Amino acid sequence: MNCSVVIPVYRSEQTLDFLIERLAAVLPNVADEYEVVLVNDGSPDNSWGAIERLSRQTPWVRGINLMRNYGQHNATLCGIRAARYEVIFVMDDDLQNPPEEMPKLLAKLNEGYDVVYGVARKRQQAWYKSLVSAFLKRAIAYIMGQQAVRDIGAFKAFRADLRKSFDSFNGPDVLVDVLLSWGTNRFASVTVDEAPRTVGKSNYNLVKLIKVFLLVLTSYTTVPLRFASILGFLFTLFGFFVLLYVLVTYFSAGSVEGFPFLSSIIAIFSGAQLFALGIIGEYLARLFDRSSGRKTYTVSATTDGESR
């Protein structure tokens, strides 16, 4: 079996040498032929210089340089499309995904699955990020229709044939895990160790996690729109009962006391309308991004000598 390892790179000049060194010890035991595709996602440090040097020193290392920072999933998609072999591994560039755990994913894949995730036994991050991340992963699993796969993450292995299901995808908002679900429902996971970060810090903060959550909700599912419809129906029903209350009170007592009651009803309905409009606005923003012609990524150079 032959495999490609796709690694999106951002601010990783100091870790790439160690990463390639450890992959060099593991990959000969995993595959007959192999390659590592390093995708530089507009790193402000000298990551691209390190990638070029490693590709000259190591024949199975390939580099792709993007014109700017497009995001982790966009860079990952670029590497996936450039991969040459039938099994593709995806992992982070910070050595938190130990290359030594790759045989576990491959063994599970050989049981007949198409996608296998490496689920960390214990996450090496702050509790609040773990909480938000867990919630986000559950949302992605729900959208994928794979509720059994609870811990979706960057460390995974899958069959390259799945690329056929998203060959035509083009847009700025990418979630690789959802794209993989377009081609299969055979998902599985294995428990792996996760190493603590030794260099730098995570590029994901709370704000970015919330942005990813909004992307999940408004780019790959219509659940929020349906929720807005249900909310509108419930408030319409509530308004009907309010009207019924007003009529009964008027005809029984002769008057309806008024301003606080009226102002509270107006506030409730105005809030519901603005909430629904906000959801619709998020969808319109995604449609605008898709129709504006913005590319998923643009490659400026590769270590194979190609550029565009």
Foldseek 3Di string as FASTA:
>chain_A
DEEEEEEEDAPQLPQQVVQVVQCVVQVVVPDPYYAYEYEYQAHPDVNVVSQLVVVVVDVRYKYFYFPHHLDDQLSRVVRLVVDDDFKYWFDYRQCQAPPNCVVVQVVVVVVPFFKEAAAAPDDQDDPVCVVLQQVLQCLLCVLLVNNVPRDDDRTMMGTSVLCVQCVPDWFSQDDVVSSSSSRDRRYYYDYDHTDHGDDDDDPDDPVNSVVNSLSSDQPRDCVLLVVLVVLVVVLVVVVVVVVVVQVVCCVVVVHDDDDVVVVVNVVVVVVSVVVNVVSVVSNVVRVCRGPVPDGNTATAAMSVGDGD
